[in-house]
């Protein structure tokens, strides 16, 4: 696949300088910006999927009439977090 260009990005000189100051050895400003765009695309896709799952769950609960008390759900999440911490050695 051919590569494509992104629109020119106008920023304050201070922001450009700050970005240039944190570049890793051998890293270009273009590579830094590309990575930032990739991460934000992934984040937004993840957010959209999370919202879609939540809406689907809501719709299923409305269809079936099966709901779970918030305190039970929160307790299960706490248990999952505690298990993950144990596994990570925290």
N, C-alpha and C. Protein backbone atom coordinates (compact mmCIF):
# COMPACT_ATOMS: atom_id res chain seq x y z
N UNK A 1 0.85 -1.16 0.00
CA UNK A 1 0.00 0.00 0.00
C UNK A 1 0.90 1.23 0.00
N UNK A 2 0.50 2.20 -0.78
CA UNK A 2 1.25 3.45 -0.82
C UNK A 2 1.01 4.23 0.47
N UNK A 3 2.00 4.99 0.85
CA UNK A 3 1.80 5.84 2.03
C UNK A 3 1.08 7.11 1.60
N UNK A 4 0.47 7.75 2.55
CA UNK A 4 -0.27 8.98 2.31
C UNK A 4 0.27 10.05 3.26
N UNK A 5 0.01 11.28 2.95
CA UNK A 5 0.45 12.35 3.82
C UNK A 5 -0.71 12.84 4.66
N UNK A 6 -0.35 13.38 5.81
CA UNK A 6 -1.34 13.99 6.70
C UNK A 6 -1.35 15.48 6.40
N UNK A 7 -2.42 16.15 6.74
CA UNK A 7 -2.43 17.61 6.55
C UNK A 7 -1.34 18.27 7.38
N UNK A 8 -0.87 19.39 6.88
CA UNK A 8 0.13 20.16 7.63
C UNK A 8 -0.46 20.53 8.99
N UNK A 9 0.39 20.51 9.98
CA UNK A 9 -0.06 20.77 11.34
C UNK A 9 0.59 22.04 11.85
N UNK A 10 -0.21 23.03 12.12
CA UNK A 10 0.33 24.29 12.64
C UNK A 10 0.19 24.29 14.16
N UNK A 11 1.30 24.55 14.82
CA UNK A 11 1.32 24.58 16.28
C UNK A 11 2.12 25.78 16.74
N UNK A 12 1.97 26.10 18.01
CA UNK A 12 2.77 27.16 18.59
C UNK A 12 4.24 26.72 18.61
N UNK A 13 5.16 27.66 18.42
CA UNK A 13 6.58 27.30 18.43
C UNK A 13 7.00 26.58 19.72
N UNK A 14 6.37 26.94 20.84
CA UNK A 14 6.71 26.30 22.11
C UNK A 14 6.36 24.82 22.11
N UNK A 15 5.24 24.46 21.48
CA UNK A 15 4.85 23.05 21.42
C UNK A 15 5.81 22.27 20.53
N UNK A 16 6.18 22.85 19.41
CA UNK A 16 7.13 22.17 18.53
C UNK A 16 8.46 21.96 19.26
N UNK A 17 8.92 22.99 19.95
CA UNK A 17 10.18 22.89 20.69
C UNK A 17 10.09 21.82 21.77
N UNK A 18 8.98 21.79 22.49
CA UNK A 18 8.80 20.79 23.54
C UNK A 18 8.82 19.38 22.95
N UNK A 19 8.18 19.20 21.80
CA UNK A 19 8.17 17.89 21.16
C UNK A 19 9.58 17.51 20.70
N UNK A 20 10.29 18.44 20.14
CA UNK A 20 11.66 18.16 19.68
C UNK A 20 12.59 17.82 20.84
N UNK A 21 12.35 18.43 21.99
CA UNK A 21 13.21 18.20 23.15
C UNK A 21 13.06 16.79 23.73
N UNK A 22 11.92 16.17 23.50
CA UNK A 22 11.70 14.85 24.09
C UNK A 22 11.88 13.71 23.10
N UNK A 23 12.30 14.02 21.89
CA UNK A 23 12.53 12.96 20.90
C UNK A 23 13.62 12.02 21.39
N UNK A 24 13.44 10.75 21.12
CA UNK A 24 14.46 9.76 21.46
C UNK A 24 15.57 9.81 20.42
N UNK A 25 16.73 9.30 20.76
CA UNK A 25 17.83 9.30 19.79
C UNK A 25 17.41 8.62 18.48
N UNK A 26 17.62 9.31 17.38
CA UNK A 26 17.28 8.78 16.07
C UNK A 26 15.82 8.95 15.67
N UNK A 27 14.99 9.41 16.58
CA UNK A 27 13.57 9.59 16.30
C UNK A 27 13.35 10.93 15.61
N UNK A 28 12.50 10.93 14.62
CA UNK A 28 12.17 12.18 13.94
C UNK A 28 10.87 12.74 14.47
N UNK A 29 10.66 14.00 14.24
CA UNK A 29 9.41 14.64 14.65
C UNK A 29 8.24 13.99 13.90
N UNK A 30 8.44 13.65 12.64
CA UNK A 30 7.39 12.98 11.88
C UNK A 30 7.02 11.65 12.49
N UNK A 31 8.02 10.87 12.90
CA UNK A 31 7.75 9.58 13.52
C UNK A 31 7.01 9.76 14.84
N UNK A 32 7.39 10.78 15.60
CA UNK A 32 6.73 11.07 16.87
C UNK A 32 5.25 11.40 16.64
N UNK A 33 4.98 12.25 15.66
CA UNK A 33 3.60 12.64 15.37
C UNK A 33 2.81 11.43 14.87
N UNK A 34 3.42 10.61 14.01
CA UNK A 34 2.74 9.42 13.51
C UNK A 34 2.36 8.49 14.66
N UNK A 35 3.29 8.28 15.59
CA UNK A 35 2.99 7.42 16.74
C UNK A 35 1.85 8.00 17.57
N UNK A 36 1.86 9.31 17.76
CA UNK A 36 0.78 9.94 18.53
C UNK A 36 -0.57 9.75 17.85
N UNK A 37 -0.60 9.88 16.54
CA UNK A 37 -1.84 9.69 15.79
C UNK A 37 -2.29 8.23 15.92
N UNK A 38 -1.36 7.29 15.74
CA UNK A 38 -1.72 5.87 15.86
C UNK A 38 -2.30 5.55 17.23
N UNK A 39 -1.66 6.07 18.29
CA UNK A 39 -2.15 5.79 19.65
C UNK A 39 -3.54 6.37 19.87
N UNK A 40 -3.77 7.57 19.36
CA UNK A 40 -5.08 8.19 19.54
C UNK A 40 -6.15 7.49 18.72
N UNK A 41 -5.81 7.01 17.53
CA UNK A 41 -6.77 6.23 16.74
C UNK A 41 -7.14 4.97 17.52
N UNK A 42 -6.15 4.28 18.06
CA UNK A 42 -6.41 3.05 18.83
C UNK A 42 -7.26 3.37 20.07
N UNK A 43 -6.94 4.45 20.77
CA UNK A 43 -7.70 4.83 21.95
C UNK A 43 -9.15 5.13 21.61
N UNK A 44 -9.36 5.89 20.55
CA UNK A 44 -10.73 6.24 20.20
C UNK A 44 -11.52 5.02 19.72
N UNK A 45 -10.86 4.12 19.01
CA UNK A 45 -11.55 2.88 18.61
C UNK A 45 -11.95 2.09 19.84
N UNK A 46 -11.04 2.01 20.80
CA UNK A 46 -11.32 1.29 22.04
C UNK A 46 -12.49 1.93 22.78
N UNK A 47 -12.51 3.26 22.81
CA UNK A 47 -13.62 3.95 23.47
C UNK A 47 -14.94 3.68 22.76
N UNK A 48 -14.92 3.71 21.44
CA UNK A 48 -16.14 3.44 20.68
C UNK A 48 -16.64 2.02 20.92
N UNK A 49 -15.72 1.06 20.95
CA UNK A 49 -16.10 -0.33 21.20
C UNK A 49 -16.66 -0.50 22.61
N UNK A 50 -16.06 0.20 23.57
CA UNK A 50 -16.55 0.14 24.96
C UNK A 50 -17.98 0.67 25.04
N UNK A 51 -18.23 1.78 24.39
CA UNK A 51 -19.57 2.37 24.39
C UNK A 51 -20.56 1.44 23.70
N UNK A 52 -20.14 0.86 22.57
CA UNK A 52 -21.02 -0.06 21.85
C UNK A 52 -21.37 -1.27 22.71
N UNK A 53 -20.38 -1.82 23.44
CA UNK A 53 -20.67 -2.95 24.32
C UNK A 53 -21.63 -2.55 25.43
N UNK A 54 -21.44 -1.36 25.98
CA UNK A 54 -22.33 -0.89 27.03
C UNK A 54 -23.76 -0.72 26.54
N UNK A 55 -23.91 -0.14 25.35
CA UNK A 55 -25.25 0.05 24.79
C UNK A 55 -25.90 -1.29 24.46
N UNK A 56 -25.10 -2.23 23.95
CA UNK A 56 -25.64 -3.56 23.66
C UNK A 56 -26.08 -4.25 24.94
N UNK A 57 -25.30 -4.09 26.00
CA UNK A 57 -25.65 -4.69 27.29
C UNK A 57 -26.94 -4.07 27.82
N UNK A 58 -27.05 -2.76 27.69
CA UNK A 58 -28.27 -2.08 28.12
C UNK A 58 -29.48 -2.61 27.37
N UNK A 59 -29.32 -2.73 26.04
CA UNK A 59 -30.43 -3.21 25.22
C UNK A 59 -30.82 -4.64 25.58
N UNK A 60 -29.81 -5.48 25.84
CA UNK A 60 -30.09 -6.87 26.23
C UNK A 60 -30.83 -6.91 27.56
N UNK A 61 -30.41 -6.08 28.50
CA UNK A 61 -31.08 -6.04 29.80
C UNK A 61 -32.53 -5.60 29.64
N UNK A 62 -32.76 -4.65 28.78
CA UNK A 62 -34.14 -4.18 28.55
C UNK A 62 -34.97 -5.29 27.90
N UNK A 63 -34.36 -6.03 26.95
CA UNK A 63 -35.09 -7.11 26.28
C UNK A 63 -35.41 -8.26 27.23
N UNK A 64 -34.43 -8.64 28.04
CA UNK A 64 -34.59 -9.83 28.89
C UNK A 64 -35.15 -9.52 30.27
N UNK A 65 -35.00 -8.26 30.70
CA UNK A 65 -35.43 -7.90 32.04
C UNK A 65 -34.46 -8.36 33.11
N UNK A 66 -33.27 -8.85 32.70
CA UNK A 66 -32.26 -9.32 33.65
C UNK A 66 -31.27 -8.19 33.92
N UNK A 67 -31.25 -7.76 35.15
CA UNK A 67 -30.35 -6.69 35.58
C UNK A 67 -29.51 -7.20 36.75
N UNK A 68 -28.37 -6.59 36.97
CA UNK A 68 -27.50 -6.96 38.07
C UNK A 68 -27.32 -5.76 38.99
N UNK A 69 -27.43 -5.97 40.30
CA UNK A 69 -27.25 -4.86 41.24
C UNK A 69 -25.82 -4.29 41.14
N UNK A 70 -25.73 -2.99 41.24
CA UNK A 70 -24.44 -2.31 41.11
C UNK A 70 -23.44 -2.81 42.15
N UNK A 71 -23.89 -3.06 43.37
CA UNK A 71 -22.94 -3.50 44.40
C UNK A 71 -22.34 -4.86 44.07
N UNK A 72 -23.11 -5.74 43.43
CA UNK A 72 -22.56 -7.03 43.02
C UNK A 72 -21.53 -6.87 41.90
N UNK A 73 -21.84 -6.01 40.96
CA UNK A 73 -20.92 -5.77 39.85
C UNK A 73 -19.63 -5.15 40.36
N UNK A 74 -19.75 -4.16 41.25
CA UNK A 74 -18.56 -3.51 41.80
C UNK A 74 -17.72 -4.48 42.61
N UNK A 75 -18.38 -5.37 43.35
CA UNK A 75 -17.65 -6.37 44.13
C UNK A 75 -16.89 -7.31 43.21
N UNK A 76 -17.53 -7.72 42.12
CA UNK A 76 -16.86 -8.61 41.16
C UNK A 76 -15.66 -7.90 40.53
N UNK A 77 -15.80 -6.61 40.22
CA UNK A 77 -14.67 -5.86 39.67
C UNK A 77 -13.54 -5.73 40.68
N UNK A 78 -13.89 -5.49 41.94
CA UNK A 78 -12.87 -5.44 43.00
C UNK A 78 -12.13 -6.76 43.12
N UNK A 79 -12.89 -7.86 43.04
CA UNK A 79 -12.27 -9.19 43.12
C UNK A 79 -11.33 -9.42 41.94
N UNK A 80 -11.75 -9.00 40.75
CA UNK A 80 -10.91 -9.16 39.55
C UNK A 80 -9.63 -8.34 39.68
N UNK A 81 -9.75 -7.14 40.21
CA UNK A 81 -8.59 -6.27 40.39
C UNK A 81 -7.63 -6.88 41.41
N UNK A 82 -8.16 -7.38 42.51
CA UNK A 82 -7.32 -7.99 43.53
C UNK A 82 -6.60 -9.21 42.97
N UNK A 83 -7.28 -10.02 42.18
CA UNK A 83 -6.64 -11.19 41.58
C UNK A 83 -5.54 -10.79 40.61
N UNK A 84 -5.79 -9.74 39.83
CA UNK A 84 -4.78 -9.26 38.88
C UNK A 84 -3.55 -8.73 39.61
N UNK A 85 -3.79 -8.04 40.71
CA UNK A 85 -2.66 -7.52 41.51
C UNK A 85 -1.84 -8.66 42.10
N UNK A 86 -2.52 -9.69 42.59
CA UNK A 86 -1.84 -10.86 43.14
C UNK A 86 -0.97 -11.52 42.07
N UNK A 87 -1.55 -11.66 40.91
CA UNK A 87 -0.84 -12.30 39.81
C UNK A 87 0.38 -11.46 39.40
N UNK A 88 0.25 -10.14 39.46
CA UNK A 88 1.36 -9.25 39.08
C UNK A 88 2.38 -9.11 40.21
N UNK A 89 2.06 -9.67 41.37
CA UNK A 89 3.00 -9.61 42.51
C UNK A 89 2.98 -8.30 43.25
N UNK A 90 1.88 -7.61 43.23
CA UNK A 90 1.78 -6.32 43.93
C UNK A 90 1.27 -6.54 45.32
